[in-house]
Amino acid sequence: FFGLDAALNKEIRLREKMRVALQVGATNVLNHPEWGMGSLNIQNTSFGQTGAPYNAARSMQFRGVFNF
């Protein structure tokens, strides 16, 4: 399994005691599929084979915070 997540934060000072923070977080940045484990039972005929991929789509979250 290989996954790449990322986050960006930026804080902007408006006045001495007022600030705005902008934040972005992303999971599965490269948008790769994730493969299933398949059967782990040694007696099963599909032992050792990977399962079908399932869609683990990219997810992004945006957030803005105003501190005063």
PDB file of N, CA and C in Angstrom:
ATOM      1  N   PHE A   1       0.846  -1.186   0.000  1.00  0.00           N
ATOM      2  CA  PHE A   1       0.000   0.000   0.000  1.00  0.00           C
ATOM      3  C   PHE A   1       0.881   1.234   0.000  1.00  0.00           C
ATOM      4  N   PHE A   2       0.583   2.170  -0.859  1.00  0.00           N
ATOM      5  CA  PHE A   2       1.289   3.442  -0.908  1.00  0.00           C
ATOM      6  C   PHE A   2       0.251   4.543  -1.039  1.00  0.00           C
ATOM      7  N   GLY A   3       0.255   5.460  -0.101  1.00  0.00           N
ATOM      8  CA  GLY A   3      -0.684   6.574  -0.148  1.00  0.00           C
ATOM      9  C   GLY A   3       0.058   7.879   0.083  1.00  0.00           C
ATOM     10  N   LEU A   4      -0.411   8.914  -0.564  1.00  0.00           N
ATOM     11  CA  LEU A   4       0.213  10.225  -0.420  1.00  0.00           C
ATOM     12  C   LEU A   4      -0.851  11.227   0.013  1.00  0.00           C
ATOM     13  N   ASP A   5      -0.644  11.826   1.172  1.00  0.00           N
ATOM     14  CA  ASP A   5      -1.531  12.853   1.701  1.00  0.00           C
ATOM     15  C   ASP A   5      -0.749  14.159   1.788  1.00  0.00           C
ATOM     16  N   ALA A   6      -1.465  15.281   1.752  1.00  0.00           N
ATOM     17  CA  ALA A   6      -0.798  16.577   1.806  1.00  0.00           C
ATOM     18  C   ALA A   6      -1.666  17.579   2.559  1.00  0.00           C
ATOM     19  N   ALA A   7      -1.011  18.606   3.106  1.00  0.00           N
ATOM     20  CA  ALA A   7      -1.724  19.677   3.795  1.00  0.00           C
ATOM     21  C   ALA A   7      -0.967  20.987   3.587  1.00  0.00           C
ATOM     22  N   LEU A   8      -1.735  22.057   3.443  1.00  0.00           N
ATOM     23  CA  LEU A   8      -1.166  23.398   3.312  1.00  0.00           C
ATOM     24  C   LEU A   8      -1.850  24.320   4.315  1.00  0.00           C
ATOM     25  N   ASN A   9      -1.062  25.153   4.967  1.00  0.00           N
ATOM     26  CA  ASN A   9      -1.587  26.119   5.933  1.00  0.00           C
ATOM     27  C   ASN A   9      -0.987  27.484   5.626  1.00  0.00           C
ATOM     28  N   LYS A  10      -1.816  28.512   5.701  1.00  0.00           N
ATOM     29  CA  LYS A  10      -1.350  29.884   5.500  1.00  0.00           C
ATOM     30  C   LYS A  10      -2.070  30.771   6.515  1.00  0.00           C
ATOM     31  N   GLU A  11      -1.286  31.535   7.267  1.00  0.00           N
ATOM     32  CA  GLU A  11      -1.852  32.449   8.253  1.00  0.00           C
ATOM     33  C   GLU A  11      -1.524  33.878   7.844  1.00  0.00           C
ATOM     34  N   ILE A  12      -2.548  34.722   7.802  1.00  0.00           N
ATOM     35  CA  ILE A  12      -2.394  36.114   7.396  1.00  0.00           C
ATOM     36  C   ILE A  12      -2.786  37.007   8.564  1.00  0.00           C
ATOM     37  N   ARG A  13      -1.888  37.898   8.935  1.00  0.00           N
ATOM     38  CA  ARG A  13      -2.169  38.826  10.029  1.00  0.00           C
ATOM     39  C   ARG A  13      -2.834  40.074   9.459  1.00  0.00           C
ATOM     40  N   LEU A  14      -4.031  40.406   9.941  1.00  0.00           N
ATOM     41  CA  LEU A  14      -4.745  41.594   9.480  1.00  0.00           C
ATOM     42  C   LEU A  14      -4.396  42.821  10.315  1.00  0.00           C
ATOM     43  N   ARG A  15      -4.442  42.658  11.620  1.00  0.00           N
ATOM     44  CA  ARG A  15      -4.056  43.707  12.554  1.00  0.00           C
ATOM     45  C   ARG A  15      -3.294  43.042  13.678  1.00  0.00           C
ATOM     46  N   GLU A  16      -3.006  43.775  14.727  1.00  0.00           N
ATOM     47  CA  GLU A  16      -2.185  43.238  15.809  1.00  0.00           C
ATOM     48  C   GLU A  16      -2.793  41.980  16.432  1.00  0.00           C
ATOM     49  N   LYS A  17      -4.110  41.963  16.635  1.00  0.00           N
ATOM     50  CA  LYS A  17      -4.751  40.811  17.279  1.00  0.00           C
ATOM     51  C   LYS A  17      -5.739  40.085  16.369  1.00  0.00           C
ATOM     52  N   MET A  18      -5.748  40.384  15.093  1.00  0.00           N
ATOM     53  CA  MET A  18      -6.678  39.735  14.165  1.00  0.00           C
ATOM     54  C   MET A  18      -5.888  38.968  13.103  1.00  0.00           C
ATOM     55  N   ARG A  19      -6.256  37.694  12.927  1.00  0.00           N
ATOM     56  CA  ARG A  19      -5.591  36.843  11.947  1.00  0.00           C
ATOM     57  C   ARG A  19      -6.612  35.984  11.213  1.00  0.00           C
ATOM     58  N   VAL A  20      -6.285  35.646   9.985  1.00  0.00           N
ATOM     59  CA  VAL A  20      -7.080  34.713   9.185  1.00  0.00           C
ATOM     60  C   VAL A  20      -6.173  33.542   8.830  1.00  0.00           C
ATOM     61  N   ALA A  21      -6.645  32.328   9.060  1.00  0.00           N
ATOM     62  CA  ALA A  21      -5.882  31.124   8.726  1.00  0.00           C
ATOM     63  C   ALA A  21      -6.636  30.355   7.639  1.00  0.00           C
ATOM     64  N   LEU A  22      -5.953  30.016   6.561  1.00  0.00           N
ATOM     65  CA  LEU A  22      -6.515  29.218   5.479  1.00  0.00           C
ATOM     66  C   LEU A  22      -5.813  27.870   5.476  1.00  0.00           C
ATOM     67  N   GLN A  23      -6.603  26.794   5.435  1.00  0.00           N
ATOM     68  CA  GLN A  23      -6.040  25.446   5.523  1.00  0.00           C
ATOM     69  C   GLN A  23      -6.671  24.554   4.452  1.00  0.00           C
ATOM     70  N   VAL A  24      -5.848  23.727   3.825  1.00  0.00           N
ATOM     71  CA  VAL A  24      -6.300  22.752   2.831  1.00  0.00           C
ATOM     72  C   VAL A  24      -5.667  21.414   3.190  1.00  0.00           C
ATOM     73  N   GLY A  25      -6.472  20.369   3.220  1.00  0.00           N
ATOM     74  CA  GLY A  25      -5.973  19.019   3.466  1.00  0.00           C
ATOM     75  C   GLY A  25      -6.468  18.084   2.372  1.00  0.00           C
ATOM     76  N   ALA A  26      -5.622  17.188   1.907  1.00  0.00           N
ATOM     77  CA  ALA A  26      -6.003  16.263   0.836  1.00  0.00           C
ATOM     78  C   ALA A  26      -5.502  14.862   1.160  1.00  0.00           C
ATOM     79  N   THR A  27      -6.351  13.874   0.918  1.00  0.00           N
ATOM     80  CA  THR A  27      -5.953  12.474   1.045  1.00  0.00           C
ATOM     81  C   THR A  27      -5.980  11.843  -0.343  1.00  0.00           C
ATOM     82  N   ASN A  28      -5.096  10.903  -0.571  1.00  0.00           N
ATOM     83  CA  ASN A  28      -4.945  10.220  -1.860  1.00  0.00           C
ATOM     84  C   ASN A  28      -4.726  11.243  -2.971  1.00  0.00           C
ATOM     85  N   VAL A  29      -3.704  12.063  -2.815  1.00  0.00           N
ATOM     86  CA  VAL A  29      -3.419  13.164  -3.738  1.00  0.00           C
ATOM     87  C   VAL A  29      -3.220  12.672  -5.171  1.00  0.00           C
ATOM     88  N   LEU A  30      -2.572  11.547  -5.356  1.00  0.00           N
ATOM     89  CA  LEU A  30      -2.299  11.028  -6.699  1.00  0.00           C
ATOM     90  C   LEU A  30      -3.476  10.266  -7.298  1.00  0.00           C
ATOM     91  N   ASN A  31      -4.540  10.077  -6.525  1.00  0.00           N
ATOM     92  CA  ASN A  31      -5.780   9.427  -6.964  1.00  0.00           C
ATOM     93  C   ASN A  31      -5.532   8.000  -7.480  1.00  0.00           C
ATOM     94  N   HIS A  32      -4.720   7.223  -6.769  1.00  0.00           N
ATOM     95  CA  HIS A  32      -4.439   5.837  -7.130  1.00  0.00           C
ATOM     96  C   HIS A  32      -5.524   4.917  -6.574  1.00  0.00           C
ATOM     97  N   PRO A  33      -5.870   3.839  -7.272  1.00  0.00           N
ATOM     98  CA  PRO A  33      -6.816   2.874  -6.722  1.00  0.00           C
ATOM     99  C   PRO A  33      -6.152   2.067  -5.609  1.00  0.00           C
ATOM    100  N   GLU A  34      -6.955   1.558  -4.699  1.00  0.00           N
ATOM    101  CA  GLU A  34      -6.447   0.685  -3.638  1.00  0.00           C
ATOM    102  C   GLU A  34      -6.896  -0.738  -3.948  1.00  0.00           C
ATOM    103  N   TRP A  35      -5.967  -1.668  -3.837  1.00  0.00           N
ATOM    104  CA  TRP A  35      -6.241  -3.064  -4.188  1.00  0.00           C
ATOM    105  C   TRP A  35      -6.642  -3.846  -2.958  1.00  0.00           C
ATOM    106  N   GLY A  36      -7.595  -4.743  -3.121  1.00  0.00           N
ATOM    107  CA  GLY A  36      -8.041  -5.608  -2.036  1.00  0.00           C
ATOM    108  C   GLY A  36      -7.014  -6.694  -1.736  1.00  0.00           C
ATOM    109  N   MET A  37      -7.144  -7.326  -0.572  1.00  0.00           N
ATOM    110  CA  MET A  37      -6.197  -8.361  -0.155  1.00  0.00           C
ATOM    111  C   MET A  37      -6.471  -9.710  -0.799  1.00  0.00           C
ATOM    112  N   GLY A  38      -7.680  -9.967  -1.256  1.00  0.00           N
ATOM    113  CA  GLY A  38      -7.999 -11.292  -1.774  1.00  0.00           C
ATOM    114  C   GLY A  38      -8.171 -12.258  -0.615  1.00  0.00           C
ATOM    115  N   SER A  39      -8.046 -13.534  -0.887  1.00  0.00           N
ATOM    116  CA  SER A  39      -8.236 -14.550   0.145  1.00  0.00           C
ATOM    117  C   SER A  39      -6.928 -14.809   0.888  1.00  0.00           C
ATOM    118  N   LEU A  40      -7.005 -14.856   2.211  1.00  0.00           N
ATOM    119  CA  LEU A  40      -5.840 -15.188   3.027  1.00  0.00           C
ATOM    120  C   LEU A  40      -5.888 -16.625   3.534  1.00  0.00           C
ATOM    121  N   ASN A  41      -6.896 -17.375   3.110  1.00  0.00           N
ATOM    122  CA  ASN A  41      -7.044 -18.777   3.479  1.00  0.00           C
ATOM    123  C   ASN A  41      -6.235 -19.627   2.506  1.00  0.00           C
ATOM    124  N   ILE A  42      -5.272 -20.382   3.017  1.00  0.00           N
ATOM    125  CA  ILE A  42      -4.385 -21.168   2.150  1.00  0.00           C
ATOM    126  C   ILE A  42      -5.130 -22.291   1.428  1.00  0.00           C
ATOM    127  N   GLN A  43      -6.288 -22.687   1.923  1.00  0.00           N
ATOM    128  CA  GLN A  43      -7.086 -23.743   1.294  1.00  0.00           C
ATOM    129  C   GLN A  43      -7.918 -23.210   0.119  1.00  0.00           C
ATOM    130  N   ASN A  44      -8.056 -21.905  -0.008  1.00  0.00           N
ATOM    131  CA  ASN A  44      -8.875 -21.305  -1.049  1.00  0.00           C
ATOM    132  C   ASN A  44      -8.119 -21.291  -2.377  1.00  0.00           C
ATOM    133  N   THR A  45      -8.839 -21.473  -3.486  1.00  0.00           N
ATOM    134  CA  THR A  45      -8.188 -21.486  -4.808  1.00  0.00           C
ATOM    135  C   THR A  45      -7.692 -20.104  -5.231  1.00  0.00           C
ATOM    136  N   SER A  46      -8.194 -19.043  -4.613  1.00  0.00           N
ATOM    137  CA  SER A  46      -7.733 -17.695  -4.968  1.00  0.00           C
ATOM    138  C   SER A  46      -6.684 -17.177  -3.981  1.00  0.00           C
ATOM    139  N   PHE A  47      -6.049 -18.067  -3.228  1.00  0.00           N
ATOM    140  CA  PHE A  47      -5.022 -17.665  -2.264  1.00  0.00           C
ATOM    141  C   PHE A  47      -3.850 -17.008  -2.981  1.00  0.00           C
ATOM    142  N   GLY A  48      -3.409 -15.885  -2.465  1.00  0.00           N
ATOM    143  CA  GLY A  48      -2.260 -15.191  -3.017  1.00  0.00           C
ATOM    144  C   GLY A  48      -2.576 -14.253  -4.157  1.00  0.00           C
ATOM    145  N   GLN A  49      -3.830 -14.195  -4.594  1.00  0.00           N
ATOM    146  CA  GLN A  49      -4.217 -13.299  -5.675  1.00  0.00           C
ATOM    147  C   GLN A  49      -4.787 -12.015  -5.081  1.00  0.00           C
ATOM    148  N   THR A  50      -4.481 -10.907  -5.725  1.00  0.00           N
ATOM    149  CA  THR A  50      -5.031  -9.642  -5.243  1.00  0.00           C
ATOM    150  C   THR A  50      -6.494  -9.547  -5.627  1.00  0.00           C
ATOM    151  N   GLY A  51      -7.236  -8.841  -4.805  1.00  0.00           N
ATOM    152  CA  GLY A  51      -8.648  -8.625  -5.096  1.00  0.00           C
ATOM    153  C   GLY A  51      -8.825  -7.505  -6.105  1.00  0.00           C
ATOM    154  N   ALA A  52     -10.040  -7.228  -6.437  1.00  0.00           N
ATOM    155  CA  ALA A  52     -10.346  -6.155  -7.386  1.00  0.00           C
ATOM    156  C   ALA A  52     -10.083  -4.801  -6.727  1.00  0.00           C
ATOM    157  N   PRO A  53      -9.652  -3.823  -7.516  1.00  0.00           N
ATOM    158  CA  PRO A  53      -9.431  -2.496  -6.929  1.00  0.00           C
ATOM    159  C   PRO A  53     -10.765  -1.833  -6.606  1.00  0.00           C
ATOM    160  N   TYR A  54     -10.758  -1.034  -5.582  1.00  0.00           N
ATOM    161  CA  TYR A  54     -11.943  -0.240  -5.295  1.00  0.00           C
ATOM    162  C   TYR A  54     -11.538   1.232  -5.351  1.00  0.00           C
ATOM    163  N   ASN A  55     -12.505   2.042  -5.641  1.00  0.00           N
ATOM    164  CA  ASN A  55     -12.232   3.453  -5.870  1.00  0.00           C
ATOM    165  C   ASN A  55     -12.028   4.168  -4.540  1.00  0.00           C
ATOM    166  N   ALA A  56     -10.808   4.571  -4.280  1.00  0.00           N
ATOM    167  CA  ALA A  56     -10.495   5.391  -3.117  1.00  0.00           C
ATOM    168  C   ALA A  56     -10.207   6.786  -3.651  1.00  0.00           C
ATOM    169  N   ALA A  57     -11.269   7.504  -3.975  1.00  0.00           N
ATOM    170  CA  ALA A  57     -11.138   8.785  -4.661  1.00  0.00           C
ATOM    171  C   ALA A  57     -10.424   9.816  -3.801  1.00  0.00           C
ATOM    172  N   ARG A  58      -9.823  10.774  -4.487  1.00  0.00           N
ATOM    173  CA  ARG A  58      -9.156  11.898  -3.821  1.00  0.00           C
ATOM    174  C   ARG A  58     -10.191  12.664  -2.999  1.00  0.00           C
ATOM    175  N   SER A  59      -9.775  13.105  -1.835  1.00  0.00           N
ATOM    176  CA  SER A  59     -10.651  13.866  -0.950  1.00  0.00           C
ATOM    177  C   SER A  59      -9.912  15.123  -0.503  1.00  0.00           C
ATOM    178  N   MET A  60     -10.585  16.271  -0.629  1.00  0.00           N
ATOM    179  CA  MET A  60      -9.968  17.535  -0.223  1.00  0.00           C
ATOM    180  C   MET A  60     -10.906  18.266   0.738  1.00  0.00           C
ATOM    181  N   GLN A  61     -10.301  18.930   1.721  1.00  0.00           N
ATOM    182  CA  GLN A  61     -11.061  19.716   2.682  1.00  0.00           C
ATOM    183  C   GLN A  61     -10.465  21.112   2.745  1.00  0.00           C
ATOM    184  N   PHE A  62     -11.323  22.107   2.712  1.00  0.00           N
ATOM    185  CA  PHE A  62     -10.907  23.503   2.809  1.00  0.00           C
ATOM    186  C   PHE A  62     -11.456  24.067   4.110  1.00  0.00           C
ATOM    187  N   ARG A  63     -10.650  24.911   4.763  1.00  0.00           N
ATOM    188  CA  ARG A  63     -11.060  25.464   6.039  1.00  0.00           C
ATOM    189  C   ARG A  63     -10.513  26.874   6.183  1.00  0.00           C
ATOM    190  N   GLY A  64     -11.351  27.779   6.675  1.00  0.00           N
ATOM    191  CA  GLY A  64     -10.927  29.138   6.958  1.00  0.00           C
ATOM    192  C   GLY A  64     -11.257  29.475   8.414  1.00  0.00           C
ATOM    193  N   VAL A  65     -10.309  30.080   9.119  1.00  0.00           N
ATOM    194  CA  VAL A  65     -10.479  30.406  10.532  1.00  0.00           C
ATOM    195  C   VAL A  65     -10.158  31.870  10.728  1.00  0.00           C
ATOM    196  N   PHE A  66     -11.027  32.574  11.436  1.00  0.00           N
ATOM    197  CA  PHE A  66     -10.800  33.983  11.766  1.00  0.00           C
ATOM    198  C   PHE A  66     -10.552  34.081  13.265  1.00  0.00           C
ATOM    199  N   ASN A  67      -9.352  34.511  13.661  1.00  0.00           N
ATOM    200  CA  ASN A  67      -8.991  34.655  15.075  1.00  0.00           C
ATOM    201  C   ASN A  67      -8.970  36.129  15.442  1.00  0.00           C
ATOM    202  N   PHE A  68      -9.615  36.475  16.545  1.00  0.00           N
ATOM    203  CA  PHE A  68      -9.595  37.862  17.011  1.00  0.00           C
ATOM    204  C   PHE A  68      -9.464  37.904  18.511  1.00  0.00           C
TER     205      PHE A  68
END
